[in-house]
Amino acid sequence: MIGQPDGVVVTGARTSAETHKLRHEILTGADVRKRFPALNPADDMVAVWEPRAGVVFPELCIQAHLTAAERNGATLRYNEPVVNWTAQGGWVQVQTQEGRYTRSI
């Protein structure tokens, strides 16, 4: 995460890393340019670098969950807004604008 030392991005990333005891380094703008030549932050910026951090693409995550759900017996319904749902005693019931669906859990 790169930004102003007192900005939301940097302070949030630093707080998160410290709270969760994640290995991290605070890098100056010059440090970032030297270590990661493709990046060019201003001299007054800093970076919170976490060696284990990565990027998650939410669309791919959602697709993976849908695929796993279908593989495990879920019936996927699209463009069918949920009106209400209840869970009780090992069953879940979902009410949509198209009908009511009940399934054991």
PDB file of N, CA and C in Angstrom:
ATOM      1  N   MET A   1       0.842  -1.157   0.000  1.00  0.00           N
ATOM      2  CA  MET A   1       0.000   0.000   0.000  1.00  0.00           C
ATOM      3  C   MET A   1       0.897   1.232   0.000  1.00  0.00           C
ATOM      4  N   ILE A   2       0.636   2.143  -0.917  1.00  0.00           N
ATOM      5  CA  ILE A   2       1.480   3.335  -1.062  1.00  0.00           C
ATOM      6  C   ILE A   2       0.618   4.579  -0.911  1.00  0.00           C
ATOM      7  N   GLY A   3       1.119   5.553  -0.182  1.00  0.00           N
ATOM      8  CA  GLY A   3       0.406   6.813  -0.036  1.00  0.00           C
ATOM      9  C   GLY A   3       1.109   7.735   0.930  1.00  0.00           C
ATOM     10  N   GLN A   4       0.385   8.757   1.350  1.00  0.00           N
ATOM     11  CA  GLN A   4       0.910   9.702   2.320  1.00  0.00           C
ATOM     12  C   GLN A   4       1.059   8.987   3.673  1.00  0.00           C
ATOM     13  N   PRO A   5       2.109   9.302   4.425  1.00  0.00           N
ATOM     14  CA  PRO A   5       2.346   8.612   5.703  1.00  0.00           C
ATOM     15  C   PRO A   5       1.162   8.659   6.660  1.00  0.00           C
ATOM     16  N   ASP A   6       0.393   9.753   6.633  1.00  0.00           N
ATOM     17  CA  ASP A   6      -0.748   9.877   7.543  1.00  0.00           C
ATOM     18  C   ASP A   6      -2.079   9.661   6.827  1.00  0.00           C
ATOM     19  N   GLY A   7      -2.021   9.151   5.593  1.00  0.00           N
ATOM     20  CA  GLY A   7      -3.241   8.906   4.824  1.00  0.00           C
ATOM     21  C   GLY A   7      -3.972   7.649   5.269  1.00  0.00           C
ATOM     22  N   VAL A   8      -5.208   7.529   4.836  1.00  0.00           N
ATOM     23  CA  VAL A   8      -6.064   6.404   5.220  1.00  0.00           C
ATOM     24  C   VAL A   8      -5.471   5.067   4.776  1.00  0.00           C
ATOM     25  N   VAL A   9      -4.965   4.986   3.562  1.00  0.00           N
ATOM     26  CA  VAL A   9      -4.449   3.721   3.034  1.00  0.00           C
ATOM     27  C   VAL A   9      -3.257   3.235   3.853  1.00  0.00           C
ATOM     28  N   VAL A  10      -2.291   4.085   4.049  1.00  0.00           N
ATOM     29  CA  VAL A  10      -1.074   3.697   4.768  1.00  0.00           C
ATOM     30  C   VAL A  10      -1.358   3.434   6.243  1.00  0.00           C
ATOM     31  N   THR A  11      -2.086   4.322   6.888  1.00  0.00           N
ATOM     32  CA  THR A  11      -2.357   4.095   8.313  1.00  0.00           C
ATOM     33  C   THR A  11      -3.217   2.856   8.519  1.00  0.00           C
ATOM     34  N   GLY A  12      -4.166   2.620   7.620  1.00  0.00           N
ATOM     35  CA  GLY A  12      -4.995   1.413   7.730  1.00  0.00           C
ATOM     36  C   GLY A  12      -4.184   0.149   7.529  1.00  0.00           C
ATOM     37  N   ALA A  13      -3.316   0.151   6.527  1.00  0.00           N
ATOM     38  CA  ALA A  13      -2.487  -1.028   6.258  1.00  0.00           C
ATOM     39  C   ALA A  13      -1.513  -1.277   7.408  1.00  0.00           C
ATOM     40  N   ARG A  14      -0.920  -0.218   7.924  1.00  0.00           N
ATOM     41  CA  ARG A  14       0.021  -0.360   9.042  1.00  0.00           C
ATOM     42  C   ARG A  14      -0.707  -0.885  10.284  1.00  0.00           C
ATOM     43  N   THR A  15      -1.853  -0.324  10.582  1.00  0.00           N
ATOM     44  CA  THR A  15      -2.635  -0.771  11.742  1.00  0.00           C
ATOM     45  C   THR A  15      -3.038  -2.230  11.600  1.00  0.00           C
ATOM     46  N   SER A  16      -3.485  -2.613  10.421  1.00  0.00           N
ATOM     47  CA  SER A  16      -3.875  -4.004  10.178  1.00  0.00           C
ATOM     48  C   SER A  16      -2.687  -4.944  10.358  1.00  0.00           C
ATOM     49  N   ALA A  17      -1.552  -4.585   9.794  1.00  0.00           N
ATOM     50  CA  ALA A  17      -0.361  -5.430   9.904  1.00  0.00           C
ATOM     51  C   ALA A  17       0.080  -5.566  11.355  1.00  0.00           C
ATOM     52  N   GLU A  18       0.050  -4.466  12.090  1.00  0.00           N
ATOM     53  CA  GLU A  18       0.456  -4.510  13.497  1.00  0.00           C
ATOM     54  C   GLU A  18      -0.546  -5.285  14.345  1.00  0.00           C
ATOM     55  N   THR A  19      -1.831  -5.047  14.121  1.00  0.00           N
ATOM     56  CA  THR A  19      -2.882  -5.727  14.892  1.00  0.00           C
ATOM     57  C   THR A  19      -2.819  -7.234  14.714  1.00  0.00           C
ATOM     58  N   HIS A  20      -2.594  -7.665  13.475  1.00  0.00           N
ATOM     59  CA  HIS A  20      -2.598  -9.101  13.170  1.00  0.00           C
ATOM     60  C   HIS A  20      -1.197  -9.706  13.171  1.00  0.00           C
ATOM     61  N   LYS A  21      -0.239  -8.915  13.635  1.00  0.00           N
ATOM     62  CA  LYS A  21       1.148  -9.371  13.759  1.00  0.00           C
ATOM     63  C   LYS A  21       1.685  -9.939  12.431  1.00  0.00           C
ATOM     64  N   LEU A  22       1.406  -9.206  11.342  1.00  0.00           N
ATOM     65  CA  LEU A  22       1.895  -9.598  10.024  1.00  0.00           C
ATOM     66  C   LEU A  22       3.276  -8.994   9.789  1.00  0.00           C
ATOM     67  N   ARG A  23       4.136  -9.772   9.179  1.00  0.00           N
ATOM     68  CA  ARG A  23       5.461  -9.267   8.837  1.00  0.00           C
ATOM     69  C   ARG A  23       5.285  -8.149   7.806  1.00  0.00           C
ATOM     70  N   HIS A  24       5.892  -7.011   8.045  1.00  0.00           N
ATOM     71  CA  HIS A  24       5.783  -5.904   7.111  1.00  0.00           C
ATOM     72  C   HIS A  24       6.969  -4.956   7.268  1.00  0.00           C
ATOM     73  N   GLU A  25       7.137  -4.111   6.271  1.00  0.00           N
ATOM     74  CA  GLU A  25       8.165  -3.076   6.309  1.00  0.00           C
ATOM     75  C   GLU A  25       7.542  -1.763   5.884  1.00  0.00           C
ATOM     76  N   ILE A  26       8.035  -0.679   6.432  1.00  0.00           N
ATOM     77  CA  ILE A  26       7.660   0.658   5.976  1.00  0.00           C
ATOM     78  C   ILE A  26       8.789   1.129   5.066  1.00  0.00           C
ATOM     79  N   LEU A  27       8.449   1.406   3.816  1.00  0.00           N
ATOM     80  CA  LEU A  27       9.444   1.813   2.817  1.00  0.00           C
ATOM     81  C   LEU A  27       9.235   3.273   2.437  1.00  0.00           C
ATOM     82  N   THR A  28      10.326   3.983   2.213  1.00  0.00           N
ATOM     83  CA  THR A  28      10.231   5.352   1.694  1.00  0.00           C
ATOM     84  C   THR A  28       9.934   5.276   0.200  1.00  0.00           C
ATOM     85  N   GLY A  29       9.588   6.427  -0.377  1.00  0.00           N
ATOM     86  CA  GLY A  29       9.374   6.465  -1.825  1.00  0.00           C
ATOM     87  C   GLY A  29      10.606   6.002  -2.577  1.00  0.00           C
ATOM     88  N   ALA A  30      11.789   6.423  -2.115  1.00  0.00           N
ATOM     89  CA  ALA A  30      13.050   6.008  -2.750  1.00  0.00           C
ATOM     90  C   ALA A  30      13.258   4.495  -2.620  1.00  0.00           C
ATOM     91  N   ASP A  31      12.933   3.942  -1.440  1.00  0.00           N
ATOM     92  CA  ASP A  31      13.050   2.493  -1.246  1.00  0.00           C
ATOM     93  C   ASP A  31      12.176   1.739  -2.258  1.00  0.00           C
ATOM     94  N   VAL A  32      10.951   2.227  -2.439  1.00  0.00           N
ATOM     95  CA  VAL A  32      10.017   1.576  -3.368  1.00  0.00           C
ATOM     96  C   VAL A  32      10.567   1.624  -4.782  1.00  0.00           C
ATOM     97  N   ARG A  33      11.026   2.784  -5.214  1.00  0.00           N
ATOM     98  CA  ARG A  33      11.560   2.917  -6.579  1.00  0.00           C
ATOM     99  C   ARG A  33      12.758   2.008  -6.807  1.00  0.00           C
ATOM    100  N   LYS A  34      13.614   1.864  -5.782  1.00  0.00           N
ATOM    101  CA  LYS A  34      14.801   1.016  -5.914  1.00  0.00           C
ATOM    102  C   LYS A  34      14.417  -0.461  -5.951  1.00  0.00           C
ATOM    103  N   ARG A  35      13.517  -0.868  -5.072  1.00  0.00           N
ATOM    104  CA  ARG A  35      13.156  -2.285  -4.962  1.00  0.00           C
ATOM    105  C   ARG A  35      12.168  -2.722  -6.042  1.00  0.00           C
ATOM    106  N   PHE A  36      11.294  -1.811  -6.443  1.00  0.00           N
ATOM    107  CA  PHE A  36      10.250  -2.126  -7.431  1.00  0.00           C
ATOM    108  C   PHE A  36      10.286  -1.067  -8.531  1.00  0.00           C
ATOM    109  N   PRO A  37      11.201  -1.189  -9.490  1.00  0.00           N
ATOM    110  CA  PRO A  37      11.421  -0.141 -10.498  1.00  0.00           C
ATOM    111  C   PRO A  37      10.186   0.233 -11.319  1.00  0.00           C
ATOM    112  N   ALA A  38       9.204  -0.630 -11.388  1.00  0.00           N
ATOM    113  CA  ALA A  38       7.993  -0.304 -12.147  1.00  0.00           C
ATOM    114  C   ALA A  38       7.126   0.725 -11.423  1.00  0.00           C
ATOM    115  N   LEU A  39       7.364   0.914 -10.140  1.00  0.00           N
ATOM    116  CA  LEU A  39       6.587   1.867  -9.346  1.00  0.00           C
ATOM    117  C   LEU A  39       7.373   3.155  -9.168  1.00  0.00           C
ATOM    118  N   ASN A  40       6.664   4.282  -9.141  1.00  0.00           N
ATOM    119  CA  ASN A  40       7.338   5.572  -9.052  1.00  0.00           C
ATOM    120  C   ASN A  40       6.599   6.517  -8.098  1.00  0.00           C
ATOM    121  N   PRO A  41       6.560   6.174  -6.805  1.00  0.00           N
ATOM    122  CA  PRO A  41       5.882   7.062  -5.863  1.00  0.00           C
ATOM    123  C   PRO A  41       6.691   8.333  -5.627  1.00  0.00           C
ATOM    124  N   ALA A  42       6.003   9.389  -5.237  1.00  0.00           N
ATOM    125  CA  ALA A  42       6.665  10.658  -4.922  1.00  0.00           C
ATOM    126  C   ALA A  42       7.542  10.480  -3.685  1.00  0.00           C
ATOM    127  N   ASP A  43       8.498  11.370  -3.550  1.00  0.00           N
ATOM    128  CA  ASP A  43       9.429  11.296  -2.416  1.00  0.00           C
ATOM    129  C   ASP A  43       8.739  11.393  -1.064  1.00  0.00           C
ATOM    130  N   ASP A  44       7.600  12.095  -1.000  1.00  0.00           N
ATOM    131  CA  ASP A  44       6.928  12.271   0.294  1.00  0.00           C
ATOM    132  C   ASP A  44       5.973  11.124   0.624  1.00  0.00           C
ATOM    133  N   MET A  45       5.940  10.104  -0.209  1.00  0.00           N
ATOM    134  CA  MET A  45       5.081   8.956   0.043  1.00  0.00           C
ATOM    135  C   MET A  45       5.860   7.830   0.711  1.00  0.00           C
ATOM    136  N   VAL A  46       5.124   6.950   1.362  1.00  0.00           N
ATOM    137  CA  VAL A  46       5.706   5.755   1.962  1.00  0.00           C
ATOM    138  C   VAL A  46       4.865   4.561   1.523  1.00  0.00           C
ATOM    139  N   ALA A  47       5.382   3.383   1.788  1.00  0.00           N
ATOM    140  CA  ALA A  47       4.667   2.151   1.460  1.00  0.00           C
ATOM    141  C   ALA A  47       4.709   1.209   2.649  1.00  0.00           C
ATOM    142  N   VAL A  48       3.620   0.474   2.810  1.00  0.00           N
ATOM    143  CA  VAL A  48       3.592  -0.621   3.775  1.00  0.00           C
ATOM    144  C   VAL A  48       3.689  -1.874   2.919  1.00  0.00           C
ATOM    145  N   TRP A  49       4.823  -2.563   3.027  1.00  0.00           N
ATOM    146  CA  TRP A  49       5.054  -3.757   2.217  1.00  0.00           C
ATOM    147  C   TRP A  49       4.911  -4.991   3.086  1.00  0.00           C
ATOM    148  N   GLU A  50       4.011  -5.875   2.657  1.00  0.00           N
ATOM    149  CA  GLU A  50       3.817  -7.152   3.339  1.00  0.00           C
ATOM    150  C   GLU A  50       4.205  -8.251   2.362  1.00  0.00           C
ATOM    151  N   PRO A  51       5.240  -9.020   2.639  1.00  0.00           N
ATOM    152  CA  PRO A  51       5.715 -10.023   1.690  1.00  0.00           C
ATOM    153  C   PRO A  51       4.687 -11.110   1.363  1.00  0.00           C
ATOM    154  N   ARG A  52       3.737 -11.357   2.251  1.00  0.00           N
ATOM    155  CA  ARG A  52       2.751 -12.405   1.998  1.00  0.00           C
ATOM    156  C   ARG A  52       1.448 -11.866   1.418  1.00  0.00           C
ATOM    157  N   ALA A  53       1.371 -10.546   1.208  1.00  0.00           N
ATOM    158  CA  ALA A  53       0.137  -9.945   0.684  1.00  0.00           C
ATOM    159  C   ALA A  53      -0.038 -10.321  -0.781  1.00  0.00           C
ATOM    160  N   GLY A  54      -1.254 -10.210  -1.240  1.00  0.00           N
ATOM    161  CA  GLY A  54      -1.544 -10.519  -2.629  1.00  0.00           C
ATOM    162  C   GLY A  54      -2.788  -9.784  -3.088  1.00  0.00           C
ATOM    163  N   VAL A  55      -3.301 -10.209  -4.209  1.00  0.00           N
ATOM    164  CA  VAL A  55      -4.470  -9.595  -4.827  1.00  0.00           C
ATOM    165  C   VAL A  55      -5.547 -10.653  -4.978  1.00  0.00           C
ATOM    166  N   VAL A  56      -6.765 -10.274  -4.670  1.00  0.00           N
ATOM    167  CA  VAL A  56      -7.909 -11.164  -4.867  1.00  0.00           C
ATOM    168  C   VAL A  56      -8.820 -10.509  -5.897  1.00  0.00           C
ATOM    169  N   PHE A  57      -9.201 -11.262  -6.911  1.00  0.00           N
ATOM    170  CA  PHE A  57     -10.124 -10.779  -7.922  1.00  0.00           C
ATOM    171  C   PHE A  57     -11.513 -11.291  -7.563  1.00  0.00           C
ATOM    172  N   PRO A  58     -12.405 -10.423  -7.061  1.00  0.00           N
ATOM    173  CA  PRO A  58     -13.681 -10.883  -6.519  1.00  0.00           C
ATOM    174  C   PRO A  58     -14.533 -11.659  -7.507  1.00  0.00           C
ATOM    175  N   GLU A  59     -14.512 -11.289  -8.773  1.00  0.00           N
ATOM    176  CA  GLU A  59     -15.334 -12.003  -9.750  1.00  0.00           C
ATOM    177  C   GLU A  59     -14.917 -13.468  -9.850  1.00  0.00           C
ATOM    178  N   LEU A  60     -13.604 -13.719  -9.824  1.00  0.00           N
ATOM    179  CA  LEU A  60     -13.115 -15.095  -9.890  1.00  0.00           C
ATOM    180  C   LEU A  60     -13.460 -15.862  -8.621  1.00  0.00           C
ATOM    181  N   CYS A  61     -13.423 -15.172  -7.476  1.00  0.00           N
ATOM    182  CA  CYS A  61     -13.786 -15.817  -6.209  1.00  0.00           C
ATOM    183  C   CYS A  61     -15.258 -16.211  -6.208  1.00  0.00           C
ATOM    184  N   ILE A  62     -16.113 -15.309  -6.668  1.00  0.00           N
ATOM    185  CA  ILE A  62     -17.542 -15.611  -6.726  1.00  0.00           C
ATOM    186  C   ILE A  62     -17.791 -16.781  -7.656  1.00  0.00           C
ATOM    187  N   GLN A  63     -17.145 -16.788  -8.816  1.00  0.00           N
ATOM    188  CA  GLN A  63     -17.329 -17.899  -9.753  1.00  0.00           C
ATOM    189  C   GLN A  63     -16.861 -19.217  -9.158  1.00  0.00           C
ATOM    190  N   ALA A  64     -15.768 -19.203  -8.426  1.00  0.00           N
ATOM    191  CA  ALA A  64     -15.276 -20.423  -7.788  1.00  0.00           C
ATOM    192  C   ALA A  64     -16.284 -20.928  -6.752  1.00  0.00           C
ATOM    193  N   HIS A  65     -16.875 -20.038  -5.979  1.00  0.00           N
ATOM    194  CA  HIS A  65     -17.880 -20.442  -4.995  1.00  0.00           C
ATOM    195  C   HIS A  65     -19.124 -21.012  -5.672  1.00  0.00           C
ATOM    196  N   LEU A  66     -19.567 -20.379  -6.752  1.00  0.00           N
ATOM    197  CA  LEU A  66     -20.737 -20.878  -7.476  1.00  0.00           C
ATOM    198  C   LEU A  66     -20.463 -22.260  -8.068  1.00  0.00           C
ATOM    199  N   THR A  67     -19.288 -22.444  -8.631  1.00  0.00           N
ATOM    200  CA  THR A  67     -18.925 -23.737  -9.211  1.00  0.00           C
ATOM    201  C   THR A  67     -18.889 -24.815  -8.137  1.00  0.00           C
ATOM    202  N   ALA A  68     -18.287 -24.501  -6.991  1.00  0.00           N
ATOM    203  CA  ALA A  68     -18.221 -25.477  -5.897  1.00  0.00           C
ATOM    204  C   ALA A  68     -19.618 -25.786  -5.359  1.00  0.00           C
ATOM    205  N   ALA A  69     -20.451 -24.776  -5.243  1.00  0.00           N
ATOM    206  CA  ALA A  69     -21.814 -24.997  -4.747  1.00  0.00           C
ATOM    207  C   ALA A  69     -22.583 -25.914  -5.697  1.00  0.00           C
ATOM    208  N   GLU A  70     -22.492 -25.645  -6.968  1.00  0.00           N
ATOM    209  CA  GLU A  70     -23.197 -26.474  -7.956  1.00  0.00           C
ATOM    210  C   GLU A  70     -22.659 -27.897  -7.955  1.00  0.00           C
ATOM    211  N   ARG A  71     -21.360 -28.047  -7.850  1.00  0.00           N
ATOM    212  CA  ARG A  71     -20.737 -29.365  -7.809  1.00  0.00           C
ATOM    213  C   ARG A  71     -21.209 -30.165  -6.591  1.00  0.00           C
ATOM    214  N   ASN A  72     -21.578 -29.445  -5.525  1.00  0.00           N
ATOM    215  CA  ASN A  72     -22.035 -30.094  -4.297  1.00  0.00           C
ATOM    216  C   ASN A  72     -23.552 -30.131  -4.168  1.00  0.00           C
ATOM    217  N   GLY A  73     -24.257 -29.974  -5.290  1.00  0.00           N
ATOM    218  CA  GLY A  73     -25.697 -30.184  -5.300  1.00  0.00           C
ATOM    219  C   GLY A  73     -26.573 -28.951  -5.271  1.00  0.00           C
ATOM    220  N   ALA A  74     -26.004 -27.776  -5.252  1.00  0.00           N
ATOM    221  CA  ALA A  74     -26.820 -26.562  -5.230  1.00  0.00           C
ATOM    222  C   ALA A  74     -27.464 -26.334  -6.589  1.00  0.00           C
ATOM    223  N   THR A  75     -28.672 -25.807  -6.559  1.00  0.00           N
ATOM    224  CA  THR A  75     -29.339 -25.357  -7.774  1.00  0.00           C
ATOM    225  C   THR A  75     -29.178 -23.850  -7.826  1.00  0.00           C
ATOM    226  N   LEU A  76     -28.528 -23.357  -8.844  1.00  0.00           N
ATOM    227  CA  LEU A  76     -28.287 -21.920  -8.962  1.00  0.00           C
ATOM    228  C   LEU A  76     -29.455 -21.274  -9.697  1.00  0.00           C
ATOM    229  N   ARG A  77     -29.963 -20.213  -9.150  1.00  0.00           N
ATOM    230  CA  ARG A  77     -31.067 -19.476  -9.753  1.00  0.00           C
ATOM    231  C   ARG A  77     -30.628 -18.026  -9.889  1.00  0.00           C
ATOM    232  N   TYR A  78     -30.790 -17.491 -11.070  1.00  0.00           N
ATOM    233  CA  TYR A  78     -30.367 -16.127 -11.343  1.00  0.00           C
ATOM    234  C   TYR A  78     -31.580 -15.238 -11.589  1.00  0.00           C
ATOM    235  N   ASN A  79     -31.421 -13.957 -11.313  1.00  0.00           N
ATOM    236  CA  ASN A  79     -32.479 -12.965 -11.530  1.00  0.00           C
ATOM    237  C   ASN A  79     -33.777 -13.369 -10.845  1.00  0.00           C
ATOM    238  N   GLU A  80     -33.641 -13.910  -9.648  1.00  0.00           N
ATOM    239  CA  GLU A  80     -34.785 -14.339  -8.852  1.00  0.00           C
ATOM    240  C   GLU A  80     -34.584 -13.785  -7.438  1.00  0.00           C
ATOM    241  N   PRO A  81     -34.960 -12.538  -7.219  1.00  0.00           N
ATOM    242  CA  PRO A  81     -34.691 -11.898  -5.925  1.00  0.00           C
ATOM    243  C   PRO A  81     -35.300 -12.655  -4.744  1.00  0.00           C
ATOM    244  N   VAL A  82     -34.520 -12.753  -3.664  1.00  0.00           N
ATOM    245  CA  VAL A  82     -34.983 -13.396  -2.439  1.00  0.00           C
ATOM    246  C   VAL A  82     -35.864 -12.406  -1.682  1.00  0.00           C
ATOM    247  N   VAL A  83     -37.035 -12.874  -1.267  1.00  0.00           N
ATOM    248  CA  VAL A  83     -37.977 -12.059  -0.511  1.00  0.00           C
ATOM    249  C   VAL A  83     -37.816 -12.312   0.987  1.00  0.00           C
ATOM    250  N   ASN A  84     -37.536 -13.575   1.349  1.00  0.00           N
ATOM    251  CA  ASN A  84     -37.414 -13.956   2.753  1.00  0.00           C
ATOM    252  C   ASN A  84     -36.698 -15.297   2.829  1.00  0.00           C
ATOM    253  N   TRP A  85     -36.126 -15.596   3.977  1.00  0.00           N
ATOM    254  CA  TRP A  85     -35.548 -16.923   4.208  1.00  0.00           C
ATOM    255  C   TRP A  85     -35.600 -17.224   5.694  1.00  0.00           C
ATOM    256  N   THR A  86     -35.661 -18.526   5.992  1.00  0.00           N
ATOM    257  CA  THR A  86     -35.633 -18.973   7.378  1.00  0.00           C
ATOM    258  C   THR A  86     -34.808 -20.248   7.452  1.00  0.00           C
ATOM    259  N   ALA A  87     -34.181 -20.447   8.592  1.00  0.00           N
ATOM    260  CA  ALA A  87     -33.425 -21.675   8.849  1.00  0.00           C
ATOM    261  C   ALA A  87     -33.901 -22.211  10.187  1.00  0.00           C
ATOM    262  N   GLN A  88     -34.193 -23.523  10.207  1.00  0.00           N
ATOM    263  CA  GLN A  88     -34.710 -24.105  11.444  1.00  0.00           C
ATOM    264  C   GLN A  88     -34.536 -25.614  11.405  1.00  0.00           C
ATOM    265  N   GLY A  89     -34.019 -26.165  12.479  1.00  0.00           N
ATOM    266  CA  GLY A  89     -33.967 -27.613  12.645  1.00  0.00           C
ATOM    267  C   GLY A  89     -33.352 -28.388  11.493  1.00  0.00           C
ATOM    268  N   GLY A  90     -32.271 -27.905  10.941  1.00  0.00           N
ATOM    269  CA  GLY A  90     -31.606 -28.644   9.863  1.00  0.00           C
ATOM    270  C   GLY A  90     -32.171 -28.365   8.477  1.00  0.00           C
ATOM    271  N   TRP A  91     -33.068 -27.406   8.358  1.00  0.00           N
ATOM    272  CA  TRP A  91     -33.658 -27.051   7.066  1.00  0.00           C
ATOM    273  C   TRP A  91     -33.534 -25.557   6.832  1.00  0.00           C
ATOM    274  N   VAL A  92     -33.441 -25.195   5.579  1.00  0.00           N
ATOM    275  CA  VAL A  92     -33.497 -23.779   5.214  1.00  0.00           C
ATOM    276  C   VAL A  92     -34.569 -23.633   4.142  1.00  0.00           C
ATOM    277  N   GLN A  93     -35.335 -22.557   4.260  1.00  0.00           N
ATOM    278  CA  GLN A  93     -36.375 -22.288   3.275  1.00  0.00           C
ATOM    279  C   GLN A  93     -36.140 -20.892   2.721  1.00  0.00           C
ATOM    280  N   VAL A  94     -36.141 -20.783   1.411  1.00  0.00           N
ATOM    281  CA  VAL A  94     -35.913 -19.512   0.734  1.00  0.00           C
ATOM    282  C   VAL A  94     -37.157 -19.179  -0.079  1.00  0.00           C
ATOM    283  N   GLN A  95     -37.680 -17.986   0.153  1.00  0.00           N
ATOM    284  CA  GLN A  95     -38.852 -17.499  -0.590  1.00  0.00           C
ATOM    285  C   GLN A  95     -38.369 -16.467  -1.592  1.00  0.00           C
ATOM    286  N   THR A  96     -38.669 -16.673  -2.869  1.00  0.00           N
ATOM    287  CA  THR A  96     -38.324 -15.710  -3.907  1.00  0.00           C
ATOM    288  C   THR A  96     -39.609 -15.220  -4.554  1.00  0.00           C
ATOM    289  N   GLN A  97     -39.477 -14.331  -5.480  1.00  0.00           N
ATOM    290  CA  GLN A  97     -40.639 -13.849  -6.233  1.00  0.00           C
ATOM    291  C   GLN A  97     -41.216 -14.950  -7.114  1.00  0.00           C
ATOM    292  N   GLU A  98     -40.426 -15.986  -7.358  1.00  0.00           N
ATOM    293  CA  GLU A  98     -40.859 -17.086  -8.236  1.00  0.00           C
ATOM    294  C   GLU A  98     -41.389 -18.290  -7.480  1.00  0.00           C
ATOM    295  N   GLY A  99     -41.065 -18.438  -6.211  1.00  0.00           N
ATOM    296  CA  GLY A  99     -41.533 -19.601  -5.461  1.00  0.00           C
ATOM    297  C   GLY A  99     -40.813 -19.766  -4.148  1.00  0.00           C
ATOM    298  N   ARG A 100     -41.056 -20.922  -3.525  1.00  0.00           N
ATOM    299  CA  ARG A 100     -40.469 -21.246  -2.217  1.00  0.00           C
ATOM    300  C   ARG A 100     -39.651 -22.500  -2.379  1.00  0.00           C
ATOM    301  N   TYR A 101     -38.428 -22.492  -1.824  1.00  0.00           N
ATOM    302  CA  TYR A 101     -37.514 -23.623  -1.953  1.00  0.00           C
ATOM    303  C   TYR A 101     -37.077 -24.044  -0.560  1.00  0.00           C
ATOM    304  N   THR A 102     -37.134 -25.344  -0.300  1.00  0.00           N
ATOM    305  CA  THR A 102     -36.744 -25.882   1.002  1.00  0.00           C
ATOM    306  C   THR A 102     -35.661 -26.913   0.784  1.00  0.00           C
ATOM    307  N   ARG A 103     -34.671 -26.901   1.657  1.00  0.00           N
ATOM    308  CA  ARG A 103     -33.530 -27.829   1.515  1.00  0.00           C
ATOM    309  C   ARG A 103     -32.956 -28.143   2.882  1.00  0.00           C
ATOM    310  N   SER A 104     -32.539 -29.393   3.073  1.00  0.00           N
ATOM    311  CA  SER A 104     -31.864 -29.735   4.323  1.00  0.00           C
ATOM    312  C   SER A 104     -30.442 -29.200   4.289  1.00  0.00           C
ATOM    313  N   ILE A 105     -29.949 -28.874   5.484  1.00  0.00           N
ATOM    314  CA  ILE A 105     -28.583 -28.341   5.557  1.00  0.00           C
ATOM    315  C   ILE A 105     -27.735 -29.217   6.445  1.00  0.00           C
TER     316      ILE A 105
END
